[in-house]
Amino acid sequence: MSEEPTKGKPVPDAEAAVARAKFKITVEHSDMTEEMQEQLKEMVLDAFVKHTVFKDLATSVKQAFDDKYPPPDNKATSGVYHCVVGSNFAVSVTHETHYACHLKCNNVSILLFRSKDSPFD
């Protein structure tokens, strides 16, 4: 017996696709690999679909990237990610080469970068 798709009810994947279509992502500057940039774009889209508060967006993106690209020895001294999200901000950071990306999603800027925490802090 085959199951018929439920008529009139939206498919969850279709709902997500419609929600994601509202957001346009552009990379402003990056020294990440293309693969990492694509992963970041997907994570940012997921975050924007789920959250509206900038703090929650930043936390979601940071946690997703930390999970996908953890430090090799799982120590903060080997590098962890930091994320800044906002519509208007200035920032000056030191980051590891090949681990930073500034992008925009509609009119919101997202900066993700990796830095090593000093064991003496």
PDB file of N, CA and C in Angstrom:
ATOM      1  N   MET A   1       0.843  -1.174   0.000  1.00  0.00           N
ATOM      2  CA  MET A   1       0.000   0.000   0.000  1.00  0.00           C
ATOM      3  C   MET A   1       0.891   1.240   0.000  1.00  0.00           C
ATOM      4  N   SER A   2       0.739   2.076  -0.971  1.00  0.00           N
ATOM      5  CA  SER A   2       1.561   3.284  -1.047  1.00  0.00           C
ATOM      6  C   SER A   2       0.832   4.446  -0.378  1.00  0.00           C
ATOM      7  N   GLU A   3       1.638   5.309   0.215  1.00  0.00           N
ATOM      8  CA  GLU A   3       1.063   6.467   0.892  1.00  0.00           C
ATOM      9  C   GLU A   3       0.989   7.642  -0.066  1.00  0.00           C
ATOM     10  N   GLU A   4      -0.135   8.315  -0.050  1.00  0.00           N
ATOM     11  CA  GLU A   4      -0.291   9.516  -0.860  1.00  0.00           C
ATOM     12  C   GLU A   4       0.242  10.710  -0.090  1.00  0.00           C
ATOM     13  N   PRO A   5       0.907  11.629  -0.777  1.00  0.00           N
ATOM     14  CA  PRO A   5       1.322  12.842  -0.075  1.00  0.00           C
ATOM     15  C   PRO A   5       0.101  13.612   0.410  1.00  0.00           C
ATOM     16  N   THR A   6       0.218  14.224   1.549  1.00  0.00           N
ATOM     17  CA  THR A   6      -0.886  14.992   2.105  1.00  0.00           C
ATOM     18  C   THR A   6      -1.128  16.218   1.232  1.00  0.00           C
ATOM     19  N   LYS A   7      -2.340  16.328   0.749  1.00  0.00           N
ATOM     20  CA  LYS A   7      -2.665  17.443  -0.143  1.00  0.00           C
ATOM     21  C   LYS A   7      -2.946  18.699   0.666  1.00  0.00           C
ATOM     22  N   GLY A   8      -2.464  19.813   0.162  1.00  0.00           N
ATOM     23  CA  GLY A   8      -2.744  21.086   0.791  1.00  0.00           C
ATOM     24  C   GLY A   8      -1.787  21.481   1.904  1.00  0.00           C
ATOM     25  N   LYS A   9      -0.977  20.543   2.391  1.00  0.00           N
ATOM     26  CA  LYS A   9      -0.029  20.868   3.457  1.00  0.00           C
ATOM     27  C   LYS A   9       1.338  21.132   2.848  1.00  0.00           C
ATOM     28  N   PRO A  10       1.989  22.216   3.259  1.00  0.00           N
ATOM     29  CA  PRO A  10       3.318  22.498   2.714  1.00  0.00           C
ATOM     30  C   PRO A  10       4.337  21.478   3.212  1.00  0.00           C
ATOM     31  N   VAL A  11       5.267  21.162   2.363  1.00  0.00           N
ATOM     32  CA  VAL A  11       6.345  20.245   2.710  1.00  0.00           C
ATOM     33  C   VAL A  11       7.386  21.033   3.496  1.00  0.00           C
ATOM     34  N   PRO A  12       7.907  20.491   4.623  1.00  0.00           N
ATOM     35  CA  PRO A  12       8.882  21.245   5.426  1.00  0.00           C
ATOM     36  C   PRO A  12      10.078  21.746   4.622  1.00  0.00           C
ATOM     37  N   ASP A  13      10.611  20.930   3.722  1.00  0.00           N
ATOM     38  CA  ASP A  13      11.744  21.366   2.908  1.00  0.00           C
ATOM     39  C   ASP A  13      11.349  22.536   2.008  1.00  0.00           C
ATOM     40  N   ALA A  14      10.131  22.511   1.510  1.00  0.00           N
ATOM     41  CA  ALA A  14       9.656  23.604   0.662  1.00  0.00           C
ATOM     42  C   ALA A  14       9.501  24.883   1.483  1.00  0.00           C
ATOM     43  N   GLU A  15       9.024  24.743   2.717  1.00  0.00           N
ATOM     44  CA  GLU A  15       8.895  25.909   3.597  1.00  0.00           C
ATOM     45  C   GLU A  15      10.263  26.524   3.866  1.00  0.00           C
ATOM     46  N   ALA A  16      11.240  25.670   4.141  1.00  0.00           N
ATOM     47  CA  ALA A  16      12.599  26.157   4.410  1.00  0.00           C
ATOM     48  C   ALA A  16      13.165  26.854   3.180  1.00  0.00           C
ATOM     49  N   ALA A  17      12.917  26.295   2.007  1.00  0.00           N
ATOM     50  CA  ALA A  17      13.429  26.895   0.770  1.00  0.00           C
ATOM     51  C   ALA A  17      12.813  28.275   0.543  1.00  0.00           C
ATOM     52  N   VAL A  18      11.531  28.406   0.824  1.00  0.00           N
ATOM     53  CA  VAL A  18      10.862  29.700   0.669  1.00  0.00           C
ATOM     54  C   VAL A  18      11.431  30.703   1.668  1.00  0.00           C
ATOM     55  N   ALA A  19      11.624  30.267   2.911  1.00  0.00           N
ATOM     56  CA  ALA A  19      12.174  31.156   3.940  1.00  0.00           C
ATOM     57  C   ALA A  19      13.589  31.583   3.584  1.00  0.00           C
ATOM     58  N   ARG A  20      14.397  30.644   3.086  1.00  0.00           N
ATOM     59  CA  ARG A  20      15.787  30.942   2.738  1.00  0.00           C
ATOM     60  C   ARG A  20      15.883  31.875   1.535  1.00  0.00           C
ATOM     61  N   ALA A  21      14.895  31.825   0.651  1.00  0.00           N
ATOM     62  CA  ALA A  21      14.926  32.647  -0.563  1.00  0.00           C
ATOM     63  C   ALA A  21      14.820  34.144  -0.251  1.00  0.00           C
ATOM     64  N   LYS A  22      14.357  34.484   0.946  1.00  0.00           N
ATOM     65  CA  LYS A  22      14.225  35.897   1.330  1.00  0.00           C
ATOM     66  C   LYS A  22      15.574  36.547   1.623  1.00  0.00           C
ATOM     67  N   PHE A  23      16.608  35.735   1.794  1.00  0.00           N
ATOM     68  CA  PHE A  23      17.904  36.255   2.216  1.00  0.00           C
ATOM     69  C   PHE A  23      18.924  36.180   1.091  1.00  0.00           C
ATOM     70  N   LYS A  24      19.612  37.299   0.860  1.00  0.00           N
ATOM     71  CA  LYS A  24      20.660  37.364  -0.160  1.00  0.00           C
ATOM     72  C   LYS A  24      21.997  37.539   0.551  1.00  0.00           C
ATOM     73  N   ILE A  25      22.908  36.615   0.323  1.00  0.00           N
ATOM     74  CA  ILE A  25      24.212  36.668   0.980  1.00  0.00           C
ATOM     75  C   ILE A  25      25.280  37.060  -0.030  1.00  0.00           C
ATOM     76  N   THR A  26      26.093  38.045   0.360  1.00  0.00           N
ATOM     77  CA  THR A  26      27.244  38.444  -0.454  1.00  0.00           C
ATOM     78  C   THR A  26      28.488  38.444   0.425  1.00  0.00           C
ATOM     79  N   VAL A  27      29.573  37.931  -0.127  1.00  0.00           N
ATOM     80  CA  VAL A  27      30.845  37.921   0.590  1.00  0.00           C
ATOM     81  C   VAL A  27      31.537  39.249   0.320  1.00  0.00           C
ATOM     82  N   GLU A  28      31.804  40.002   1.373  1.00  0.00           N
ATOM     83  CA  GLU A  28      32.475  41.294   1.258  1.00  0.00           C
ATOM     84  C   GLU A  28      33.991  41.114   1.197  1.00  0.00           C
ATOM     85  N   HIS A  29      34.504  40.247   2.048  1.00  0.00           N
ATOM     86  CA  HIS A  29      35.941  39.951   2.080  1.00  0.00           C
ATOM     87  C   HIS A  29      36.126  38.602   2.761  1.00  0.00           C
ATOM     88  N   SER A  30      37.050  37.811   2.232  1.00  0.00           N
ATOM     89  CA  SER A  30      37.311  36.518   2.849  1.00  0.00           C
ATOM     90  C   SER A  30      38.698  36.037   2.485  1.00  0.00           C
ATOM     91  N   ASP A  31      39.325  35.365   3.429  1.00  0.00           N
ATOM     92  CA  ASP A  31      40.550  34.644   3.102  1.00  0.00           C
ATOM     93  C   ASP A  31      40.359  33.154   3.402  1.00  0.00           C
ATOM     94  N   MET A  32      39.088  32.733   3.526  1.00  0.00           N
ATOM     95  CA  MET A  32      38.750  31.322   3.716  1.00  0.00           C
ATOM     96  C   MET A  32      38.731  30.614   2.369  1.00  0.00           C
ATOM     97  N   THR A  33      38.788  29.294   2.418  1.00  0.00           N
ATOM     98  CA  THR A  33      38.650  28.507   1.199  1.00  0.00           C
ATOM     99  C   THR A  33      37.211  28.636   0.691  1.00  0.00           C
ATOM    100  N   GLU A  34      37.018  28.345  -0.579  1.00  0.00           N
ATOM    101  CA  GLU A  34      35.668  28.389  -1.159  1.00  0.00           C
ATOM    102  C   GLU A  34      34.738  27.426  -0.423  1.00  0.00           C
ATOM    103  N   GLU A  35      35.247  26.261  -0.074  1.00  0.00           N
ATOM    104  CA  GLU A  35      34.433  25.267   0.636  1.00  0.00           C
ATOM    105  C   GLU A  35      33.956  25.812   1.986  1.00  0.00           C
ATOM    106  N   MET A  36      34.865  26.446   2.720  1.00  0.00           N
ATOM    107  CA  MET A  36      34.486  27.013   4.018  1.00  0.00           C
ATOM    108  C   MET A  36      33.484  28.153   3.846  1.00  0.00           C
ATOM    109  N   GLN A  37      33.659  28.963   2.808  1.00  0.00           N
ATOM    110  CA  GLN A  37      32.720  30.059   2.547  1.00  0.00           C
ATOM    111  C   GLN A  37      31.324  29.518   2.250  1.00  0.00           C
ATOM    112  N   GLU A  38      31.257  28.459   1.459  1.00  0.00           N
ATOM    113  CA  GLU A  38      29.957  27.862   1.135  1.00  0.00           C
ATOM    114  C   GLU A  38      29.300  27.292   2.386  1.00  0.00           C
ATOM    115  N   GLN A  39      30.094  26.625   3.238  1.00  0.00           N
ATOM    116  CA  GLN A  39      29.564  26.111   4.498  1.00  0.00           C
ATOM    117  C   GLN A  39      29.037  27.261   5.361  1.00  0.00           C
ATOM    118  N   LEU A  40      29.807  28.340   5.423  1.00  0.00           N
ATOM    119  CA  LEU A  40      29.410  29.499   6.220  1.00  0.00           C
ATOM    120  C   LEU A  40      28.105  30.097   5.696  1.00  0.00           C
ATOM    121  N   LYS A  41      27.974  30.224   4.389  1.00  0.00           N
ATOM    122  CA  LYS A  41      26.738  30.765   3.810  1.00  0.00           C
ATOM    123  C   LYS A  41      25.533  29.914   4.217  1.00  0.00           C
ATOM    124  N   GLU A  42      25.683  28.599   4.168  1.00  0.00           N
ATOM    125  CA  GLU A  42      24.593  27.698   4.564  1.00  0.00           C
ATOM    126  C   GLU A  42      24.246  27.881   6.038  1.00  0.00           C
ATOM    127  N   MET A  43      25.275  27.995   6.876  1.00  0.00           N
ATOM    128  CA  MET A  43      25.049  28.177   8.313  1.00  0.00           C
ATOM    129  C   MET A  43      24.374  29.516   8.602  1.00  0.00           C
ATOM    130  N   VAL A  44      24.771  30.548   7.870  1.00  0.00           N
ATOM    131  CA  VAL A  44      24.160  31.868   8.042  1.00  0.00           C
ATOM    132  C   VAL A  44      22.693  31.825   7.610  1.00  0.00           C
ATOM    133  N   LEU A  45      22.412  31.198   6.482  1.00  0.00           N
ATOM    134  CA  LEU A  45      21.017  31.069   6.040  1.00  0.00           C
ATOM    135  C   LEU A  45      20.184  30.336   7.078  1.00  0.00           C
ATOM    136  N   ASP A  46      20.712  29.224   7.596  1.00  0.00           N
ATOM    137  CA  ASP A  46      19.989  28.475   8.628  1.00  0.00           C
ATOM    138  C   ASP A  46      19.714  29.353   9.842  1.00  0.00           C
ATOM    139  N   ALA A  47      20.717  30.118  10.253  1.00  0.00           N
ATOM    140  CA  ALA A  47      20.564  30.987  11.424  1.00  0.00           C
ATOM    141  C   ALA A  47      19.508  32.061  11.180  1.00  0.00           C
ATOM    142  N   PHE A  48      19.508  32.671   9.992  1.00  0.00           N
ATOM    143  CA  PHE A  48      18.546  33.736   9.695  1.00  0.00           C
ATOM    144  C   PHE A  48      17.117  33.200   9.602  1.00  0.00           C
ATOM    145  N   VAL A  49      16.959  31.956   9.194  1.00  0.00           N
ATOM    146  CA  VAL A  49      15.626  31.357   9.143  1.00  0.00           C
ATOM    147  C   VAL A  49      15.109  31.105  10.564  1.00  0.00           C
ATOM    148  N   LYS A  50      16.009  30.729  11.476  1.00  0.00           N
ATOM    149  CA  LYS A  50      15.605  30.353  12.837  1.00  0.00           C
ATOM    150  C   LYS A  50      15.565  31.517  13.825  1.00  0.00           C
ATOM    151  N   HIS A  51      16.384  32.547  13.622  1.00  0.00           N
ATOM    152  CA  HIS A  51      16.551  33.598  14.630  1.00  0.00           C
ATOM    153  C   HIS A  51      16.335  34.991  14.039  1.00  0.00           C
ATOM    154  N   THR A  52      15.952  35.926  14.912  1.00  0.00           N
ATOM    155  CA  THR A  52      15.823  37.322  14.497  1.00  0.00           C
ATOM    156  C   THR A  52      16.690  38.250  15.348  1.00  0.00           C
ATOM    157  N   VAL A  53      17.107  37.800  16.514  1.00  0.00           N
ATOM    158  CA  VAL A  53      17.944  38.605  17.406  1.00  0.00           C
ATOM    159  C   VAL A  53      19.406  38.414  17.006  1.00  0.00           C
ATOM    160  N   PHE A  54      20.133  39.527  16.832  1.00  0.00           N
ATOM    161  CA  PHE A  54      21.525  39.456  16.370  1.00  0.00           C
ATOM    162  C   PHE A  54      22.390  38.564  17.255  1.00  0.00           C
ATOM    163  N   LYS A  55      22.213  38.645  18.582  1.00  0.00           N
ATOM    164  CA  LYS A  55      22.998  37.830  19.507  1.00  0.00           C
ATOM    165  C   LYS A  55      22.772  36.342  19.226  1.00  0.00           C
ATOM    166  N   ASP A  56      21.525  35.970  18.971  1.00  0.00           N
ATOM    167  CA  ASP A  56      21.205  34.573  18.691  1.00  0.00           C
ATOM    168  C   ASP A  56      21.764  34.136  17.339  1.00  0.00           C
ATOM    169  N   LEU A  57      21.733  35.043  16.365  1.00  0.00           N
ATOM    170  CA  LEU A  57      22.332  34.756  15.058  1.00  0.00           C
ATOM    171  C   LEU A  57      23.825  34.485  15.212  1.00  0.00           C
ATOM    172  N   ALA A  58      24.511  35.357  15.946  1.00  0.00           N
ATOM    173  CA  ALA A  58      25.954  35.213  16.139  1.00  0.00           C
ATOM    174  C   ALA A  58      26.282  33.909  16.861  1.00  0.00           C
ATOM    175  N   THR A  59      25.534  33.602  17.908  1.00  0.00           N
ATOM    176  CA  THR A  59      25.771  32.370  18.666  1.00  0.00           C
ATOM    177  C   THR A  59      25.548  31.142  17.796  1.00  0.00           C
ATOM    178  N   SER A  60      24.494  31.154  17.007  1.00  0.00           N
ATOM    179  CA  SER A  60      24.178  30.024  16.133  1.00  0.00           C
ATOM    180  C   SER A  60      25.284  29.780  15.111  1.00  0.00           C
ATOM    181  N   VAL A  61      25.742  30.846  14.459  1.00  0.00           N
ATOM    182  CA  VAL A  61      26.788  30.721  13.436  1.00  0.00           C
ATOM    183  C   VAL A  61      28.097  30.270  14.075  1.00  0.00           C
ATOM    184  N   LYS A  62      28.463  30.867  15.200  1.00  0.00           N
ATOM    185  CA  LYS A  62      29.705  30.512  15.888  1.00  0.00           C
ATOM    186  C   LYS A  62      29.691  29.039  16.302  1.00  0.00           C
ATOM    187  N   GLN A  63      28.602  28.590  16.924  1.00  0.00           N
ATOM    188  CA  GLN A  63      28.522  27.203  17.372  1.00  0.00           C
ATOM    189  C   GLN A  63      28.550  26.233  16.197  1.00  0.00           C
ATOM    190  N   ALA A  64      27.856  26.573  15.128  1.00  0.00           N
ATOM    191  CA  ALA A  64      27.841  25.699  13.950  1.00  0.00           C
ATOM    192  C   ALA A  64      29.237  25.577  13.343  1.00  0.00           C
ATOM    193  N   PHE A  65      29.954  26.692  13.268  1.00  0.00           N
ATOM    194  CA  PHE A  65      31.300  26.658  12.682  1.00  0.00           C
ATOM    195  C   PHE A  65      32.282  25.966  13.617  1.00  0.00           C
ATOM    196  N   ASP A  66      32.163  26.193  14.930  1.00  0.00           N
ATOM    197  CA  ASP A  66      33.013  25.471  15.886  1.00  0.00           C
ATOM    198  C   ASP A  66      32.783  23.964  15.783  1.00  0.00           C
ATOM    199  N   ASP A  67      31.524  23.560  15.592  1.00  0.00           N
ATOM    200  CA  ASP A  67      31.216  22.132  15.461  1.00  0.00           C
ATOM    201  C   ASP A  67      31.777  21.550  14.170  1.00  0.00           C
ATOM    202  N   LYS A  68      31.665  22.304  13.083  1.00  0.00           N
ATOM    203  CA  LYS A  68      32.133  21.824  11.775  1.00  0.00           C
ATOM    204  C   LYS A  68      33.660  21.846  11.677  1.00  0.00           C
ATOM    205  N   TYR A  69      34.283  22.874  12.226  1.00  0.00           N
ATOM    206  CA  TYR A  69      35.739  23.043  12.135  1.00  0.00           C
ATOM    207  C   TYR A  69      36.338  23.247  13.531  1.00  0.00           C
ATOM    208  N   PRO A  70      36.343  22.195  14.357  1.00  0.00           N
ATOM    209  CA  PRO A  70      36.876  22.350  15.715  1.00  0.00           C
ATOM    210  C   PRO A  70      38.401  22.456  15.701  1.00  0.00           C
ATOM    211  N   PRO A  71      38.982  22.981  16.796  1.00  0.00           N
ATOM    212  CA  PRO A  71      40.442  22.988  16.882  1.00  0.00           C
ATOM    213  C   PRO A  71      40.946  21.547  16.817  1.00  0.00           C
ATOM    214  N   PRO A  72      42.092  21.325  16.192  1.00  0.00           N
ATOM    215  CA  PRO A  72      42.591  19.955  16.027  1.00  0.00           C
ATOM    216  C   PRO A  72      42.733  19.194  17.347  1.00  0.00           C
ATOM    217  N   ASP A  73      43.110  19.885  18.405  1.00  0.00           N
ATOM    218  CA  ASP A  73      43.290  19.210  19.694  1.00  0.00           C
ATOM    219  C   ASP A  73      42.201  19.586  20.701  1.00  0.00           C
ATOM    220  N   ASN A  74      41.132  20.226  20.207  1.00  0.00           N
ATOM    221  CA  ASN A  74      39.998  20.650  21.036  1.00  0.00           C
ATOM    222  C   ASN A  74      40.378  21.592  22.175  1.00  0.00           C
ATOM    223  N   LYS A  75      41.414  22.376  21.981  1.00  0.00           N
ATOM    224  CA  LYS A  75      41.824  23.365  22.978  1.00  0.00           C
ATOM    225  C   LYS A  75      41.670  24.763  22.389  1.00  0.00           C
ATOM    226  N   ALA A  76      41.192  25.694  23.201  1.00  0.00           N
ATOM    227  CA  ALA A  76      41.001  27.070  22.737  1.00  0.00           C
ATOM    228  C   ALA A  76      42.312  27.701  22.302  1.00  0.00           C
ATOM    229  N   THR A  77      43.421  27.223  22.853  1.00  0.00           N
ATOM    230  CA  THR A  77      44.720  27.780  22.477  1.00  0.00           C
ATOM    231  C   THR A  77      45.093  27.420  21.046  1.00  0.00           C
ATOM    232  N   SER A  78      44.351  26.490  20.444  1.00  0.00           N
ATOM    233  CA  SER A  78      44.599  26.111  19.052  1.00  0.00           C
ATOM    234  C   SER A  78      43.686  26.855  18.089  1.00  0.00           C
ATOM    235  N   GLY A  79      42.779  27.656  18.608  1.00  0.00           N
ATOM    236  CA  GLY A  79      41.936  28.491  17.757  1.00  0.00           C
ATOM    237  C   GLY A  79      40.467  28.158  17.842  1.00  0.00           C
ATOM    238  N   VAL A  80      39.676  29.158  18.178  1.00  0.00           N
ATOM    239  CA  VAL A  80      38.223  29.032  18.193  1.00  0.00           C
ATOM    240  C   VAL A  80      37.639  30.188  17.387  1.00  0.00           C
ATOM    241  N   TYR A  81      36.394  30.025  16.971  1.00  0.00           N
ATOM    242  CA  TYR A  81      35.746  31.039  16.143  1.00  0.00           C
ATOM    243  C   TYR A  81      35.010  32.066  16.995  1.00  0.00           C
ATOM    244  N   HIS A  82      34.921  33.261  16.452  1.00  0.00           N
ATOM    245  CA  HIS A  82      34.190  34.368  17.057  1.00  0.00           C
ATOM    246  C   HIS A  82      33.301  34.943  15.958  1.00  0.00           C
ATOM    247  N   CYS A  83      32.116  35.394  16.336  1.00  0.00           N
ATOM    248  CA  CYS A  83      31.175  35.914  15.343  1.00  0.00           C
ATOM    249  C   CYS A  83      30.574  37.225  15.828  1.00  0.00           C
ATOM    250  N   VAL A  84      30.564  38.207  14.944  1.00  0.00           N
ATOM    251  CA  VAL A  84      29.964  39.515  15.212  1.00  0.00           C
ATOM    252  C   VAL A  84      28.860  39.717  14.176  1.00  0.00           C
ATOM    253  N   VAL A  85      27.677  40.090  14.641  1.00  0.00           N
ATOM    254  CA  VAL A  85      26.540  40.315  13.750  1.00  0.00           C
ATOM    255  C   VAL A  85      25.926  41.670  14.086  1.00  0.00           C
ATOM    256  N   GLY A  86      25.649  42.460  13.062  1.00  0.00           N
ATOM    257  CA  GLY A  86      25.010  43.746  13.305  1.00  0.00           C
ATOM    258  C   GLY A  86      24.775  44.511  12.025  1.00  0.00           C
ATOM    259  N   SER A  87      23.969  45.560  12.135  1.00  0.00           N
ATOM    260  CA  SER A  87      23.694  46.383  10.962  1.00  0.00           C
ATOM    261  C   SER A  87      24.632  47.578  10.881  1.00  0.00           C
ATOM    262  N   ASN A  88      25.337  47.866  11.981  1.00  0.00           N
ATOM    263  CA  ASN A  88      26.263  48.990  11.980  1.00  0.00           C
ATOM    264  C   ASN A  88      27.280  48.782  13.097  1.00  0.00           C
ATOM    265  N   PHE A  89      28.500  48.424  12.735  1.00  0.00           N
ATOM    266  CA  PHE A  89      29.535  48.257  13.744  1.00  0.00           C
ATOM    267  C   PHE A  89      30.908  48.453  13.122  1.00  0.00           C
ATOM    268  N   ALA A  90      31.856  48.776  13.967  1.00  0.00           N
ATOM    269  CA  ALA A  90      33.259  48.853  13.562  1.00  0.00           C
ATOM    270  C   ALA A  90      34.005  47.824  14.399  1.00  0.00           C
ATOM    271  N   VAL A  91      35.027  47.244  13.819  1.00  0.00           N
ATOM    272  CA  VAL A  91      35.747  46.201  14.543  1.00  0.00           C
ATOM    273  C   VAL A  91      37.202  46.188  14.114  1.00  0.00           C
ATOM    274  N   SER A  92      38.048  45.875  15.048  1.00  0.00           N
ATOM    275  CA  SER A  92      39.468  45.684  14.767  1.00  0.00           C
ATOM    276  C   SER A  92      39.878  44.413  15.491  1.00  0.00           C
ATOM    277  N   VAL A  93      40.241  43.391  14.736  1.00  0.00           N
ATOM    278  CA  VAL A  93      40.563  42.097  15.345  1.00  0.00           C
ATOM    279  C   VAL A  93      41.857  41.545  14.763  1.00  0.00           C
ATOM    280  N   THR A  94      42.455  40.666  15.519  1.00  0.00           N
ATOM    281  CA  THR A  94      43.577  39.876  15.025  1.00  0.00           C
ATOM    282  C   THR A  94      43.037  38.468  14.816  1.00  0.00           C
ATOM    283  N   HIS A  95      43.259  37.928  13.633  1.00  0.00           N
ATOM    284  CA  HIS A  95      42.739  36.589  13.341  1.00  0.00           C
ATOM    285  C   HIS A  95      43.808  35.756  12.664  1.00  0.00           C
ATOM    286  N   GLU A  96      43.560  34.473  12.644  1.00  0.00           N
ATOM    287  CA  GLU A  96      44.461  33.573  11.943  1.00  0.00           C
ATOM    288  C   GLU A  96      44.253  33.724  10.438  1.00  0.00           C
ATOM    289  N   THR A  97      45.344  33.663   9.702  1.00  0.00           N
ATOM    290  CA  THR A  97      45.269  33.724   8.252  1.00  0.00           C
ATOM    291  C   THR A  97      44.461  32.533   7.736  1.00  0.00           C
ATOM    292  N   HIS A  98      43.611  32.774   6.759  1.00  0.00           N
ATOM    293  CA  HIS A  98      42.749  31.780   6.114  1.00  0.00           C
ATOM    294  C   HIS A  98      41.548  31.378   6.968  1.00  0.00           C
ATOM    295  N   TYR A  99      41.247  32.158   8.005  1.00  0.00           N
ATOM    296  CA  TYR A  99      40.121  31.815   8.869  1.00  0.00           C
ATOM    297  C   TYR A  99      39.278  33.040   9.210  1.00  0.00           C
ATOM    298  N   ALA A 100      39.006  33.884   8.228  1.00  0.00           N
ATOM    299  CA  ALA A 100      38.151  35.046   8.469  1.00  0.00           C
ATOM    300  C   ALA A 100      37.276  35.305   7.250  1.00  0.00           C
ATOM    301  N   CYS A 101      36.052  35.738   7.523  1.00  0.00           N
ATOM    302  CA  CYS A 101      35.132  36.056   6.431  1.00  0.00           C
ATOM    303  C   CYS A 101      34.156  37.134   6.899  1.00  0.00           C
ATOM    304  N   HIS A 102      33.990  38.156   6.062  1.00  0.00           N
ATOM    305  CA  HIS A 102      32.998  39.207   6.306  1.00  0.00           C
ATOM    306  C   HIS A 102      31.978  39.094   5.190  1.00  0.00           C
ATOM    307  N   LEU A 103      30.735  38.888   5.563  1.00  0.00           N
ATOM    308  CA  LEU A 103      29.691  38.807   4.552  1.00  0.00           C
ATOM    309  C   LEU A 103      28.476  39.589   4.998  1.00  0.00           C
ATOM    310  N   LYS A 104      27.565  39.779   4.059  1.00  0.00           N
ATOM    311  CA  LYS A 104      26.315  40.475   4.354  1.00  0.00           C
ATOM    312  C   LYS A 104      25.154  39.578   3.971  1.00  0.00           C
ATOM    313  N   CYS A 105      24.146  39.615   4.814  1.00  0.00           N
ATOM    314  CA  CYS A 105      22.891  38.932   4.524  1.00  0.00           C
ATOM    315  C   CYS A 105      21.831  40.022   4.552  1.00  0.00           C
ATOM    316  N   ASN A 106      21.329  40.352   3.368  1.00  0.00           N
ATOM    317  CA  ASN A 106      20.479  41.526   3.191  1.00  0.00           C
ATOM    318  C   ASN A 106      21.257  42.739   3.698  1.00  0.00           C
ATOM    319  N   ASN A 107      20.815  43.437   4.730  1.00  0.00           N
ATOM    320  CA  ASN A 107      21.541  44.617   5.221  1.00  0.00           C
ATOM    321  C   ASN A 107      22.265  44.363   6.538  1.00  0.00           C
ATOM    322  N   VAL A 108      22.458  43.108   6.890  1.00  0.00           N
ATOM    323  CA  VAL A 108      23.108  42.754   8.149  1.00  0.00           C
ATOM    324  C   VAL A 108      24.497  42.202   7.856  1.00  0.00           C
ATOM    325  N   SER A 109      25.498  42.743   8.547  1.00  0.00           N
ATOM    326  CA  SER A 109      26.878  42.271   8.373  1.00  0.00           C
ATOM    327  C   SER A 109      27.185  41.152   9.354  1.00  0.00           C
ATOM    328  N   ILE A 110      27.962  40.184   8.884  1.00  0.00           N
ATOM    329  CA  ILE A 110      28.411  39.068   9.707  1.00  0.00           C
ATOM    330  C   ILE A 110      29.914  38.957   9.534  1.00  0.00           C
ATOM    331  N   LEU A 111      30.625  38.957  10.638  1.00  0.00           N
ATOM    332  CA  LEU A 111      32.068  38.750  10.623  1.00  0.00           C
ATOM    333  C   LEU A 111      32.352  37.501  11.434  1.00  0.00           C
ATOM    334  N   LEU A 112      32.999  36.535  10.808  1.00  0.00           N
ATOM    335  CA  LEU A 112      33.407  35.311  11.495  1.00  0.00           C
ATOM    336  C   LEU A 112      34.908  35.188  11.344  1.00  0.00           C
ATOM    337  N   PHE A 113      35.588  34.926  12.442  1.00  0.00           N
ATOM    338  CA  PHE A 113      37.041  34.767  12.385  1.00  0.00           C
ATOM    339  C   PHE A 113      37.497  33.813  13.473  1.00  0.00           C
ATOM    340  N   ARG A 114      38.657  33.237  13.244  1.00  0.00           N
ATOM    341  CA  ARG A 114      39.242  32.337  14.234  1.00  0.00           C
ATOM    342  C   ARG A 114      40.481  32.986  14.820  1.00  0.00           C
ATOM    343  N   SER A 115      40.606  32.876  16.126  1.00  0.00           N
ATOM    344  CA  SER A 115      41.814  33.363  16.786  1.00  0.00           C
ATOM    345  C   SER A 115      42.178  32.395  17.897  1.00  0.00           C
ATOM    346  N   LYS A 116      43.436  32.408  18.227  1.00  0.00           N
ATOM    347  CA  LYS A 116      43.926  31.548  19.300  1.00  0.00           C
ATOM    348  C   LYS A 116      43.861  32.314  20.606  1.00  0.00           C
ATOM    349  N   ASP A 117      43.297  31.688  21.613  1.00  0.00           N
ATOM    350  CA  ASP A 117      43.243  32.306  22.933  1.00  0.00           C
ATOM    351  C   ASP A 117      44.563  32.073  23.649  1.00  0.00           C
ATOM    352  N   SER A 118      45.048  33.106  24.291  1.00  0.00           N
ATOM    353  CA  SER A 118      46.300  33.003  25.026  1.00  0.00           C
ATOM    354  C   SER A 118      46.080  32.236  26.326  1.00  0.00           C
ATOM    355  N   PRO A 119      46.962  31.305  26.649  1.00  0.00           N
ATOM    356  CA  PRO A 119      46.814  30.575  27.917  1.00  0.00           C
ATOM    357  C   PRO A 119      47.099  31.461  29.126  1.00  0.00           C
ATOM    358  N   PHE A 120      47.582  32.687  28.884  1.00  0.00           N
ATOM    359  CA  PHE A 120      47.940  33.577  29.987  1.00  0.00           C
ATOM    360  C   PHE A 120      46.866  34.612  30.283  1.00  0.00           C
ATOM    361  N   ASP A 121      45.725  34.545  29.584  1.00  0.00           N
ATOM    362  CA  ASP A 121      44.634  35.503  29.826  1.00  0.00           C
ATOM    363  C   ASP A 121      43.878  35.148  31.084  1.00  0.00           C
TER     364      ASP A 121
END
